[in-house]
Amino acid sequence: MVLDKTVFYPESGGQPTDTGVLRTDEQEVAVLKVMKRGRDLFHHLDGNLPMYATVHGAIDWEPRYYNMRRHSAEHLLTGLFEMADAGPKVYSDLTRLDFKPSKITEEAVRRVEAEFNDIVGEDIPLSIYYASREELEDEEDEEDERKRGFLDKIPRALDRLRMVEIPGHALTFCFGTHVRSTGEIGRISEMFLKVGKKGTRTVHFTLK
């Protein structure tokens, strides 16, 4: 089902889909997943609803909030590892960050973990705003292949991009869901380094 507007976040950018329910006056149907296809968001339902029905959507808040915390943690960790010269980040999701080529050490991972937990304790508000594509291209760091590659994948027709900033620590364009401040992220309960082939280093993390 495609709605004219929705509270559900679709699976994208390494962040899982929201789940929940759609309600009418007569029935309630579970939303199993939401997927983006072109400009449309398709809600996959455990049942049928009539066309043109007026519905009220409610997301499952607990998993959504957990994903918001982990996604914001991913941003903060990316910024901290970039400042620690971890090398280009080639992949990340809500539990890991891959860098290649990278010479990151266990000592660097422990430093980043301590800094991350300190920043969580500072409860710094996140800043979310929009910037023009032209501004971003003018400011673009020629050596940051990851950001340039991501920007190239965004349709040219989209000329205003949503920026997510953890002041002093991380800044990138992102359309995902985030917490309001670093205090909501929570501290790291475990973080470890795996050394892969051909210069790959993977950092795995979990939150308390």
N, C-alpha and C. Protein backbone atom coordinates (compact mmCIF):
# COMPACT_ATOMS: atom_id res chain seq x y z
N MET A 1 0.84 -1.19 0.00
CA MET A 1 0.00 0.00 0.00
C MET A 1 0.88 1.24 0.00
N VAL A 2 0.53 2.24 -0.83
CA VAL A 2 1.22 3.52 -0.88
C VAL A 2 0.31 4.57 -0.27
N LEU A 3 0.85 5.36 0.67
CA LEU A 3 0.07 6.39 1.35
C LEU A 3 0.50 7.77 0.86
N ASP A 4 -0.37 8.77 1.04
CA ASP A 4 0.01 10.13 0.63
C ASP A 4 1.03 10.74 1.57
N LYS A 5 1.10 10.24 2.82
CA LYS A 5 2.15 10.61 3.76
C LYS A 5 2.24 9.52 4.82
N THR A 6 3.41 9.43 5.47
CA THR A 6 3.60 8.30 6.37
C THR A 6 4.57 8.66 7.49
N VAL A 7 4.43 7.98 8.62
CA VAL A 7 5.39 8.11 9.73
C VAL A 7 6.44 7.01 9.66
N PHE A 8 6.28 6.05 8.76
CA PHE A 8 7.15 4.88 8.71
C PHE A 8 8.42 5.17 7.92
N TYR A 9 9.56 4.78 8.51
CA TYR A 9 10.83 4.93 7.82
C TYR A 9 11.09 3.69 6.98
N PRO A 10 11.42 3.84 5.70
CA PRO A 10 11.68 2.67 4.86
C PRO A 10 13.09 2.14 5.07
N GLU A 11 13.29 0.89 4.76
CA GLU A 11 14.63 0.32 4.82
C GLU A 11 15.54 1.06 3.85
N SER A 12 16.58 1.68 4.36
CA SER A 12 17.52 2.41 3.49
C SER A 12 18.69 2.90 4.31
N GLY A 13 19.81 3.12 3.62
CA GLY A 13 20.98 3.69 4.26
C GLY A 13 21.54 2.88 5.41
N GLY A 14 21.35 1.56 5.39
CA GLY A 14 21.83 0.72 6.46
C GLY A 14 20.93 0.70 7.68
N GLN A 15 19.79 1.41 7.61
CA GLN A 15 18.86 1.45 8.73
C GLN A 15 17.64 0.58 8.41
N PRO A 16 17.24 -0.29 9.34
CA PRO A 16 16.11 -1.19 9.07
C PRO A 16 14.79 -0.44 8.93
N THR A 17 13.84 -1.10 8.31
CA THR A 17 12.51 -0.55 8.17
C THR A 17 11.78 -0.46 9.50
N ASP A 18 10.89 0.51 9.60
CA ASP A 18 9.95 0.53 10.72
C ASP A 18 8.89 -0.55 10.54
N THR A 19 8.33 -0.99 11.63
CA THR A 19 7.14 -1.84 11.63
C THR A 19 6.09 -1.16 12.50
N GLY A 20 4.87 -1.70 12.49
CA GLY A 20 3.81 -1.10 13.29
C GLY A 20 2.45 -1.52 12.78
N VAL A 21 1.49 -0.59 12.81
CA VAL A 21 0.14 -0.91 12.36
C VAL A 21 -0.46 0.27 11.60
N LEU A 22 -1.41 -0.04 10.72
CA LEU A 22 -2.29 0.95 10.11
C LEU A 22 -3.70 0.66 10.61
N ARG A 23 -4.39 1.70 11.05
CA ARG A 23 -5.73 1.54 11.61
C ARG A 23 -6.74 2.35 10.82
N THR A 24 -7.91 1.75 10.60
CA THR A 24 -9.08 2.47 10.14
C THR A 24 -10.11 2.41 11.26
N ASP A 25 -11.31 2.95 11.01
CA ASP A 25 -12.35 2.88 12.03
C ASP A 25 -12.81 1.44 12.27
N GLU A 26 -12.61 0.57 11.27
CA GLU A 26 -13.13 -0.79 11.37
C GLU A 26 -12.08 -1.85 11.63
N GLN A 27 -10.81 -1.60 11.29
CA GLN A 27 -9.82 -2.66 11.39
C GLN A 27 -8.42 -2.13 11.65
N GLU A 28 -7.54 -3.08 11.98
CA GLU A 28 -6.13 -2.78 12.22
C GLU A 28 -5.29 -3.83 11.51
N VAL A 29 -4.31 -3.38 10.74
CA VAL A 29 -3.47 -4.29 9.96
C VAL A 29 -2.01 -4.00 10.28
N ALA A 30 -1.23 -5.06 10.49
CA ALA A 30 0.18 -4.90 10.81
C ALA A 30 0.98 -4.47 9.58
N VAL A 31 1.91 -3.58 9.79
CA VAL A 31 2.88 -3.18 8.75
C VAL A 31 4.14 -4.00 8.98
N LEU A 32 4.47 -4.88 8.04
CA LEU A 32 5.60 -5.79 8.20
C LEU A 32 6.93 -5.16 7.79
N LYS A 33 6.89 -4.33 6.76
CA LYS A 33 8.08 -3.61 6.32
C LYS A 33 7.66 -2.50 5.37
N VAL A 34 8.57 -1.55 5.16
CA VAL A 34 8.33 -0.44 4.25
C VAL A 34 9.55 -0.32 3.35
N MET A 35 9.31 -0.30 2.03
CA MET A 35 10.40 -0.26 1.07
C MET A 35 10.22 0.92 0.12
N LYS A 36 11.32 1.56 -0.24
CA LYS A 36 11.28 2.68 -1.17
C LYS A 36 11.54 2.19 -2.58
N ARG A 37 10.64 2.54 -3.48
CA ARG A 37 10.80 2.21 -4.90
C ARG A 37 10.55 3.48 -5.70
N GLY A 38 11.63 4.05 -6.24
CA GLY A 38 11.49 5.34 -6.90
C GLY A 38 11.11 6.40 -5.88
N ARG A 39 10.03 7.12 -6.14
CA ARG A 39 9.56 8.15 -5.21
C ARG A 39 8.54 7.62 -4.21
N ASP A 40 8.10 6.38 -4.40
CA ASP A 40 7.02 5.83 -3.57
C ASP A 40 7.55 4.98 -2.43
N LEU A 41 6.82 4.98 -1.31
CA LEU A 41 7.10 4.11 -0.18
C LEU A 41 6.00 3.06 -0.11
N PHE A 42 6.38 1.80 -0.26
CA PHE A 42 5.42 0.71 -0.27
C PHE A 42 5.36 0.08 1.12
N HIS A 43 4.16 0.09 1.70
CA HIS A 43 3.92 -0.52 3.01
C HIS A 43 3.43 -1.94 2.79
N HIS A 44 4.19 -2.93 3.22
CA HIS A 44 3.82 -4.33 3.07
C HIS A 44 3.01 -4.74 4.30
N LEU A 45 1.78 -5.14 4.07
CA LEU A 45 0.82 -5.35 5.16
C LEU A 45 0.50 -6.82 5.37
N ASP A 46 0.14 -7.14 6.59
CA ASP A 46 -0.32 -8.49 6.94
C ASP A 46 -1.85 -8.51 6.85
N GLY A 47 -2.36 -8.25 5.65
CA GLY A 47 -3.80 -8.18 5.44
C GLY A 47 -4.11 -7.14 4.39
N ASN A 48 -5.37 -6.86 4.19
CA ASN A 48 -5.81 -5.94 3.14
C ASN A 48 -6.58 -4.77 3.72
N LEU A 49 -6.39 -3.62 3.11
CA LEU A 49 -7.18 -2.44 3.43
C LEU A 49 -7.80 -1.91 2.14
N PRO A 50 -8.98 -1.31 2.22
CA PRO A 50 -9.62 -0.81 1.00
C PRO A 50 -8.85 0.37 0.41
N MET A 51 -8.89 0.50 -0.90
CA MET A 51 -8.25 1.63 -1.56
C MET A 51 -8.89 2.93 -1.09
N TYR A 52 -8.07 3.95 -1.01
CA TYR A 52 -8.48 5.31 -0.63
C TYR A 52 -9.00 5.38 0.80
N ALA A 53 -8.70 4.36 1.61
CA ALA A 53 -9.12 4.41 3.01
C ALA A 53 -8.31 5.47 3.77
N THR A 54 -8.94 6.09 4.75
CA THR A 54 -8.24 6.98 5.66
C THR A 54 -7.67 6.13 6.79
N VAL A 55 -6.35 6.19 6.97
CA VAL A 55 -5.71 5.32 7.96
C VAL A 55 -4.91 6.15 8.94
N HIS A 56 -4.70 5.59 10.10
CA HIS A 56 -3.82 6.17 11.12
C HIS A 56 -2.67 5.19 11.33
N GLY A 57 -1.43 5.66 11.17
CA GLY A 57 -0.28 4.80 11.33
C GLY A 57 0.36 4.95 12.70
N ALA A 58 0.81 3.84 13.26
CA ALA A 58 1.53 3.85 14.53
C ALA A 58 2.73 2.93 14.42
N ILE A 59 3.93 3.46 14.63
CA ILE A 59 5.13 2.64 14.54
C ILE A 59 5.40 1.92 15.85
N ASP A 60 6.14 0.82 15.76
CA ASP A 60 6.63 0.15 16.96
C ASP A 60 7.80 0.98 17.49
N TRP A 61 7.56 1.73 18.57
CA TRP A 61 8.51 2.73 19.00
C TRP A 61 9.81 2.15 19.53
N GLU A 62 9.76 1.07 20.28
CA GLU A 62 10.98 0.55 20.91
C GLU A 62 12.07 0.21 19.89
N PRO A 63 11.75 -0.59 18.83
CA PRO A 63 12.80 -0.84 17.84
C PRO A 63 13.20 0.40 17.06
N ARG A 64 12.24 1.29 16.78
CA ARG A 64 12.60 2.54 16.07
C ARG A 64 13.60 3.35 16.90
N TYR A 65 13.35 3.49 18.19
CA TYR A 65 14.23 4.30 19.02
C TYR A 65 15.61 3.66 19.14
N TYR A 66 15.65 2.34 19.24
CA TYR A 66 16.93 1.63 19.29
C TYR A 66 17.71 1.88 18.01
N ASN A 67 17.03 1.85 16.86
CA ASN A 67 17.69 2.12 15.59
C ASN A 67 18.17 3.58 15.50
N MET A 68 17.38 4.51 16.04
CA MET A 68 17.80 5.91 16.07
C MET A 68 19.09 6.06 16.88
N ARG A 69 19.16 5.41 18.03
CA ARG A 69 20.34 5.49 18.88
C ARG A 69 21.56 4.92 18.15
N ARG A 70 21.38 3.74 17.53
CA ARG A 70 22.51 3.10 16.86
C ARG A 70 22.96 3.88 15.62
N HIS A 71 21.99 4.46 14.91
CA HIS A 71 22.33 5.22 13.71
C HIS A 71 23.10 6.49 14.08
N SER A 72 22.67 7.16 15.14
CA SER A 72 23.41 8.33 15.61
C SER A 72 24.80 7.93 16.12
N ALA A 73 24.89 6.76 16.76
CA ALA A 73 26.19 6.25 17.21
C ALA A 73 27.11 6.01 16.02
N GLU A 74 26.56 5.47 14.95
CA GLU A 74 27.35 5.23 13.74
C GLU A 74 27.94 6.53 13.20
N HIS A 75 27.13 7.61 13.19
CA HIS A 75 27.63 8.91 12.74
C HIS A 75 28.77 9.40 13.63
N LEU A 76 28.57 9.32 14.94
CA LEU A 76 29.59 9.81 15.86
C LEU A 76 30.87 9.00 15.73
N LEU A 77 30.76 7.68 15.67
CA LEU A 77 31.95 6.85 15.52
C LEU A 77 32.67 7.14 14.21
N THR A 78 31.91 7.33 13.13
CA THR A 78 32.53 7.63 11.83
C THR A 78 33.36 8.90 11.93
N GLY A 79 32.78 9.95 12.54
CA GLY A 79 33.50 11.20 12.68
C GLY A 79 34.76 11.05 13.52
N LEU A 80 34.67 10.32 14.62
CA LEU A 80 35.82 10.14 15.50
C LEU A 80 36.92 9.32 14.83
N PHE A 81 36.53 8.28 14.09
CA PHE A 81 37.55 7.47 13.40
C PHE A 81 38.17 8.24 12.24
N GLU A 82 37.38 9.09 11.57
CA GLU A 82 37.97 9.92 10.52
C GLU A 82 39.03 10.85 11.10
N MET A 83 38.75 11.43 12.28
CA MET A 83 39.74 12.31 12.92
C MET A 83 40.95 11.54 13.44
N ALA A 84 40.76 10.22 13.64
CA ALA A 84 41.86 9.37 14.09
C ALA A 84 42.62 8.76 12.92
N ASP A 85 42.34 9.24 11.69
CA ASP A 85 43.03 8.77 10.47
C ASP A 85 42.87 7.27 10.27
N ALA A 86 41.62 6.81 10.42
CA ALA A 86 41.35 5.38 10.25
C ALA A 86 41.39 4.95 8.79
N GLY A 87 41.36 5.92 7.87
CA GLY A 87 41.30 5.58 6.45
C GLY A 87 39.88 5.71 5.94
N PRO A 88 39.66 5.52 4.64
CA PRO A 88 38.34 5.67 4.05
C PRO A 88 37.34 4.65 4.60
N LYS A 89 36.16 5.13 5.00
CA LYS A 89 35.10 4.20 5.40
C LYS A 89 34.38 3.73 4.14
N VAL A 90 34.31 2.42 3.94
CA VAL A 90 33.70 1.87 2.73
C VAL A 90 32.33 1.27 3.00
N TYR A 91 32.00 1.06 4.26
CA TYR A 91 30.68 0.49 4.60
C TYR A 91 30.42 0.72 6.08
N SER A 92 29.15 0.91 6.41
CA SER A 92 28.76 0.93 7.82
C SER A 92 27.29 0.58 7.95
N ASP A 93 26.94 0.03 9.10
CA ASP A 93 25.53 -0.20 9.42
C ASP A 93 25.39 0.08 10.92
N LEU A 94 24.39 -0.48 11.54
CA LEU A 94 24.12 -0.15 12.94
C LEU A 94 24.95 -0.96 13.93
N THR A 95 25.88 -1.77 13.42
CA THR A 95 26.72 -2.57 14.31
C THR A 95 28.19 -2.58 13.92
N ARG A 96 28.55 -2.02 12.76
CA ARG A 96 29.93 -2.13 12.30
C ARG A 96 30.30 -0.99 11.37
N LEU A 97 31.62 -0.76 11.28
CA LEU A 97 32.19 0.19 10.33
C LEU A 97 33.39 -0.48 9.67
N ASP A 98 33.43 -0.46 8.34
CA ASP A 98 34.54 -1.04 7.58
C ASP A 98 35.39 0.09 6.99
N PHE A 99 36.70 -0.02 7.17
CA PHE A 99 37.65 0.95 6.62
C PHE A 99 38.64 0.22 5.71
N LYS A 100 38.91 0.83 4.54
CA LYS A 100 39.85 0.21 3.61
C LYS A 100 40.35 1.26 2.61
N PRO A 101 41.69 1.36 2.46
CA PRO A 101 42.74 0.72 3.27
C PRO A 101 42.85 1.40 4.63
N SER A 102 43.27 0.66 5.61
CA SER A 102 43.34 1.21 6.96
C SER A 102 44.45 0.53 7.76
N LYS A 103 45.07 1.31 8.64
CA LYS A 103 46.08 0.77 9.55
C LYS A 103 45.67 1.02 10.99
N ILE A 104 44.37 1.12 11.20
CA ILE A 104 43.87 1.41 12.55
C ILE A 104 44.34 0.33 13.52
N THR A 105 44.68 0.76 14.73
CA THR A 105 45.21 -0.16 15.74
C THR A 105 44.21 -0.35 16.87
N GLU A 106 44.46 -1.36 17.68
CA GLU A 106 43.64 -1.60 18.86
C GLU A 106 43.71 -0.40 19.81
N GLU A 107 44.87 0.19 19.91
CA GLU A 107 45.02 1.37 20.77
C GLU A 107 44.12 2.51 20.30
N ALA A 108 44.04 2.72 18.99
CA ALA A 108 43.18 3.77 18.44
C ALA A 108 41.71 3.48 18.73
N VAL A 109 41.32 2.21 18.62
CA VAL A 109 39.94 1.83 18.91
C VAL A 109 39.59 2.15 20.36
N ARG A 110 40.49 1.86 21.28
CA ARG A 110 40.23 2.15 22.69
C ARG A 110 40.14 3.66 22.94
N ARG A 111 40.97 4.44 22.24
CA ARG A 111 40.90 5.90 22.38
C ARG A 111 39.56 6.43 21.90
N VAL A 112 39.12 5.94 20.74
CA VAL A 112 37.84 6.38 20.19
C VAL A 112 36.69 5.97 21.11
N GLU A 113 36.75 4.77 21.65
CA GLU A 113 35.70 4.32 22.56
C GLU A 113 35.60 5.25 23.78
N ALA A 114 36.74 5.62 24.36
CA ALA A 114 36.73 6.50 25.52
C ALA A 114 36.19 7.88 25.16
N GLU A 115 36.60 8.39 23.99
CA GLU A 115 36.13 9.70 23.55
C GLU A 115 34.62 9.66 23.28
N PHE A 116 34.16 8.59 22.63
CA PHE A 116 32.73 8.41 22.36
C PHE A 116 31.93 8.49 23.66
N ASN A 117 32.35 7.74 24.66
CA ASN A 117 31.61 7.72 25.93
C ASN A 117 31.65 9.07 26.63
N ASP A 118 32.76 9.81 26.50
CA ASP A 118 32.83 11.15 27.06
C ASP A 118 31.82 12.08 26.38
N ILE A 119 31.71 11.99 25.06
CA ILE A 119 30.79 12.84 24.30
C ILE A 119 29.34 12.51 24.64
N VAL A 120 29.04 11.22 24.83
CA VAL A 120 27.71 10.83 25.28
C VAL A 120 27.41 11.49 26.63
N GLY A 121 28.39 11.48 27.52
CA GLY A 121 28.20 12.10 28.83
C GLY A 121 27.98 13.60 28.76
N GLU A 122 28.50 14.26 27.72
CA GLU A 122 28.32 15.70 27.56
C GLU A 122 26.92 16.07 27.07
N ASP A 123 26.17 15.10 26.54
CA ASP A 123 24.79 15.31 26.08
C ASP A 123 24.69 16.48 25.11
N ILE A 124 25.48 16.43 24.05
CA ILE A 124 25.54 17.50 23.05
C ILE A 124 24.33 17.41 22.12
N PRO A 125 23.56 18.49 21.93
CA PRO A 125 22.43 18.46 21.00
C PRO A 125 22.91 18.26 19.56
N LEU A 126 22.20 17.42 18.80
CA LEU A 126 22.47 17.28 17.37
C LEU A 126 21.85 18.45 16.64
N SER A 127 22.47 18.84 15.55
CA SER A 127 21.95 19.91 14.70
C SER A 127 21.56 19.31 13.35
N ILE A 128 20.29 19.50 12.95
CA ILE A 128 19.81 18.98 11.67
C ILE A 128 19.27 20.14 10.85
N TYR A 129 19.80 20.30 9.65
CA TYR A 129 19.42 21.44 8.81
C TYR A 129 19.58 21.04 7.34
N TYR A 130 19.20 21.94 6.45
CA TYR A 130 19.29 21.66 5.01
C TYR A 130 20.31 22.59 4.36
N ALA A 131 21.05 22.05 3.40
CA ALA A 131 22.04 22.82 2.65
C ALA A 131 21.85 22.55 1.16
N SER A 132 22.19 23.52 0.34
CA SER A 132 22.06 23.33 -1.10
C SER A 132 23.16 22.41 -1.62
N ARG A 133 22.84 21.69 -2.65
CA ARG A 133 23.84 20.80 -3.26
C ARG A 133 25.05 21.60 -3.74
N GLU A 134 24.79 22.79 -4.28
CA GLU A 134 25.88 23.63 -4.78
C GLU A 134 26.86 23.98 -3.66
N GLU A 135 26.31 24.32 -2.48
CA GLU A 135 27.18 24.62 -1.33
C GLU A 135 28.06 23.43 -0.99
N LEU A 136 27.47 22.24 -0.96
CA LEU A 136 28.21 21.05 -0.57
C LEU A 136 29.28 20.71 -1.58
N GLU A 137 28.97 20.87 -2.86
CA GLU A 137 29.96 20.57 -3.89
C GLU A 137 31.12 21.57 -3.84
N ASP A 138 30.82 22.82 -3.49
CA ASP A 138 31.89 23.83 -3.38
C ASP A 138 32.79 23.54 -2.19
N GLU A 139 32.19 23.01 -1.10
CA GLU A 139 32.95 22.75 0.11
C GLU A 139 33.58 21.37 0.13
N GLU A 140 33.27 20.55 -0.85
CA GLU A 140 33.65 19.14 -0.85
C GLU A 140 35.16 18.93 -0.78
N ASP A 141 35.56 18.03 0.07
CA ASP A 141 36.97 17.66 0.21
C ASP A 141 37.32 16.67 -0.90
N GLU A 142 38.25 17.06 -1.75
CA GLU A 142 38.61 16.22 -2.90
C GLU A 142 39.15 14.87 -2.48
N GLU A 143 39.68 14.75 -1.25
CA GLU A 143 40.27 13.49 -0.83
C GLU A 143 39.25 12.56 -0.18
N ASP A 144 38.04 13.05 0.06
CA ASP A 144 37.03 12.23 0.72
C ASP A 144 36.20 11.51 -0.34
N GLU A 145 36.69 10.36 -0.79
CA GLU A 145 36.03 9.63 -1.86
C GLU A 145 34.66 9.11 -1.42
N ARG A 146 34.54 8.75 -0.13
CA ARG A 146 33.26 8.23 0.36
C ARG A 146 32.15 9.27 0.21
N LYS A 147 32.39 10.48 0.66
CA LYS A 147 31.37 11.51 0.60
C LYS A 147 31.09 11.93 -0.85
N ARG A 148 32.15 11.99 -1.66
CA ARG A 148 31.95 12.34 -3.06
C ARG A 148 31.14 11.27 -3.77
N GLY A 149 31.44 10.00 -3.46
CA GLY A 149 30.70 8.90 -4.09
C GLY A 149 29.24 8.89 -3.69
N PHE A 150 28.98 9.17 -2.41
CA PHE A 150 27.60 9.20 -1.93
C PHE A 150 26.83 10.36 -2.57
N LEU A 151 27.47 11.51 -2.67
CA LEU A 151 26.83 12.67 -3.28
C LEU A 151 26.51 12.41 -4.75
N ASP A 152 27.41 11.71 -5.44
CA ASP A 152 27.18 11.40 -6.86
C ASP A 152 25.97 10.50 -7.07
N LYS A 153 25.62 9.69 -6.06
CA LYS A 153 24.49 8.77 -6.19
C LYS A 153 23.15 9.45 -5.96
N ILE A 154 23.16 10.62 -5.37
CA ILE A 154 21.91 11.34 -5.10
C ILE A 154 21.45 12.02 -6.38
N PRO A 155 20.18 11.84 -6.79
CA PRO A 155 19.70 12.44 -8.05
C PRO A 155 19.97 13.93 -8.11
N ARG A 156 20.39 14.42 -9.28
CA ARG A 156 20.71 15.83 -9.45
C ARG A 156 19.51 16.72 -9.18
N ALA A 157 18.29 16.18 -9.37
CA ALA A 157 17.07 16.97 -9.15
C ALA A 157 16.90 17.33 -7.68
N LEU A 158 17.55 16.59 -6.80
CA LEU A 158 17.47 16.87 -5.36
C LEU A 158 18.55 17.89 -5.02
N ASP A 159 18.14 19.16 -4.93
CA ASP A 159 19.14 20.22 -4.77
C ASP A 159 19.28 20.73 -3.35
N ARG A 160 18.48 20.18 -2.41
CA ARG A 160 18.65 20.52 -1.01
C ARG A 160 18.80 19.24 -0.21
N LEU A 161 19.89 19.13 0.54
CA LEU A 161 20.21 17.91 1.24
C LEU A 161 20.15 18.13 2.75
N ARG A 162 19.70 17.10 3.44
CA ARG A 162 19.54 17.17 4.89
C ARG A 162 20.87 16.85 5.57
N MET A 163 21.35 17.77 6.36
CA MET A 163 22.63 17.64 7.04
C MET A 163 22.40 17.26 8.50
N VAL A 164 23.20 16.34 8.99
CA VAL A 164 23.15 15.93 10.40
C VAL A 164 24.53 16.19 11.00
N GLU A 165 24.56 17.01 12.05
CA GLU A 165 25.83 17.41 12.65
C GLU A 165 25.83 17.13 14.15
N ILE A 166 26.90 16.51 14.60
CA ILE A 166 27.21 16.43 16.03
C ILE A 166 28.34 17.43 16.21
N PRO A 167 28.01 18.65 16.67
CA PRO A 167 28.97 19.76 16.62
C PRO A 167 30.34 19.41 17.20
N GLY A 168 31.36 19.66 16.36
CA GLY A 168 32.73 19.42 16.75
C GLY A 168 33.21 18.01 16.52
N HIS A 169 32.31 17.11 16.09
CA HIS A 169 32.70 15.70 16.02
C HIS A 169 32.29 14.99 14.73
N ALA A 170 31.17 15.34 14.11
CA ALA A 170 30.72 14.63 12.91
C ALA A 170 29.75 15.50 12.13
N LEU A 171 29.85 15.44 10.80
CA LEU A 171 28.95 16.16 9.92
C LEU A 171 28.83 15.40 8.60
N THR A 172 27.60 15.10 8.19
CA THR A 172 27.38 14.45 6.90
C THR A 172 25.95 14.66 6.47
N PHE A 173 25.67 14.39 5.18
CA PHE A 173 24.29 14.45 4.73
C PHE A 173 23.65 13.09 4.98
N CYS A 174 22.41 13.12 5.47
CA CYS A 174 21.75 11.88 5.88
C CYS A 174 20.25 12.11 5.95
N PHE A 175 19.48 11.12 5.49
CA PHE A 175 18.02 11.20 5.54
C PHE A 175 17.45 10.25 6.59
N GLY A 176 18.31 9.69 7.43
CA GLY A 176 17.86 8.72 8.42
C GLY A 176 17.30 9.37 9.68
N THR A 177 16.94 8.55 10.64
CA THR A 177 16.36 9.01 11.89
C THR A 177 17.45 9.10 12.96
N HIS A 178 17.35 10.11 13.82
CA HIS A 178 18.38 10.37 14.81
C HIS A 178 17.77 10.80 16.13
N VAL A 179 18.56 10.66 17.20
CA VAL A 179 18.14 11.14 18.51
C VAL A 179 18.38 12.65 18.59
N ARG A 180 17.91 13.27 19.67
CA ARG A 180 18.03 14.72 19.80
C ARG A 180 19.40 15.15 20.34
N SER A 181 20.04 14.30 21.13
CA SER A 181 21.33 14.68 21.71
C SER A 181 22.15 13.42 21.97
N THR A 182 23.45 13.61 22.17
CA THR A 182 24.34 12.46 22.32
C THR A 182 24.03 11.65 23.58
N GLY A 183 23.45 12.30 24.59
CA GLY A 183 23.11 11.57 25.81
C GLY A 183 22.12 10.46 25.58
N GLU A 184 21.27 10.61 24.55
CA GLU A 184 20.28 9.58 24.24
C GLU A 184 20.91 8.36 23.57
N ILE A 185 22.07 8.53 22.97
CA ILE A 185 22.71 7.42 22.25
C ILE A 185 23.03 6.27 23.21
N GLY A 186 23.57 6.62 24.37
CA GLY A 186 24.00 5.60 25.31
C GLY A 186 25.46 5.23 25.08
N ARG A 187 26.09 4.75 26.12
CA ARG A 187 27.50 4.41 26.04
C ARG A 187 27.72 3.07 25.32
N ILE A 188 28.93 2.88 24.88
CA ILE A 188 29.31 1.62 24.22
C ILE A 188 29.51 0.54 25.28
N SER A 189 28.91 -0.62 25.05
CA SER A 189 29.12 -1.75 25.96
C SER A 189 30.22 -2.67 25.46
N GLU A 190 30.41 -2.70 24.14
CA GLU A 190 31.48 -3.53 23.56
C GLU A 190 31.90 -2.95 22.23
N MET A 191 33.20 -2.91 21.98
CA MET A 191 33.72 -2.49 20.68
C MET A 191 35.03 -3.23 20.44
N PHE A 192 35.13 -3.88 19.28
CA PHE A 192 36.35 -4.63 18.99
C PHE A 192 36.72 -4.51 17.53
N LEU A 193 38.00 -4.74 17.26
CA LEU A 193 38.58 -4.58 15.94
C LEU A 193 38.86 -5.94 15.31
N LYS A 194 38.51 -6.07 14.03
CA LYS A 194 38.88 -7.25 13.25
C LYS A 194 39.72 -6.81 12.06
N VAL A 195 40.83 -7.50 11.85
CA VAL A 195 41.72 -7.21 10.74
C VAL A 195 41.38 -8.14 9.59
N GLY A 196 41.01 -7.56 8.45
CA GLY A 196 40.63 -8.36 7.29
C GLY A 196 41.71 -8.40 6.24
N LYS A 197 41.34 -8.88 5.07
CA LYS A 197 42.29 -9.01 3.97
C LYS A 197 42.44 -7.69 3.22
N LYS A 198 43.59 -7.53 2.60
CA LYS A 198 43.87 -6.41 1.70
C LYS A 198 43.65 -5.06 2.37
N GLY A 199 44.07 -4.96 3.63
CA GLY A 199 44.03 -3.67 4.31
C GLY A 199 42.71 -3.27 4.91
N THR A 200 41.78 -4.21 5.02
CA THR A 200 40.48 -3.89 5.61
C THR A 200 40.53 -4.01 7.13
N ARG A 201 39.96 -3.03 7.81
CA ARG A 201 39.78 -3.07 9.26
C ARG A 201 38.31 -2.85 9.55
N THR A 202 37.73 -3.72 10.37
CA THR A 202 36.31 -3.62 10.72
C THR A 202 36.17 -3.41 12.22
N VAL A 203 35.42 -2.39 12.58
CA VAL A 203 35.13 -2.10 13.98
C VAL A 203 33.68 -2.49 14.26
N HIS A 204 33.48 -3.41 15.19
CA HIS A 204 32.14 -3.83 15.60
C HIS A 204 31.80 -3.14 16.93
N PHE A 205 30.55 -2.73 17.09
CA PHE A 205 30.17 -2.04 18.32
C PHE A 205 28.75 -2.40 18.73
N THR A 206 28.50 -2.36 20.03
CA THR A 206 27.15 -2.50 20.58
C THR A 206 26.99 -1.44 21.66
N LEU A 207 25.74 -1.03 21.89
CA LEU A 207 25.43 -0.03 22.89
C LEU A 207 24.82 -0.65 24.12
N LYS A 208 24.97 0.03 25.24
CA LYS A 208 24.32 -0.42 26.48
C LYS A 208 22.83 -0.17 26.39
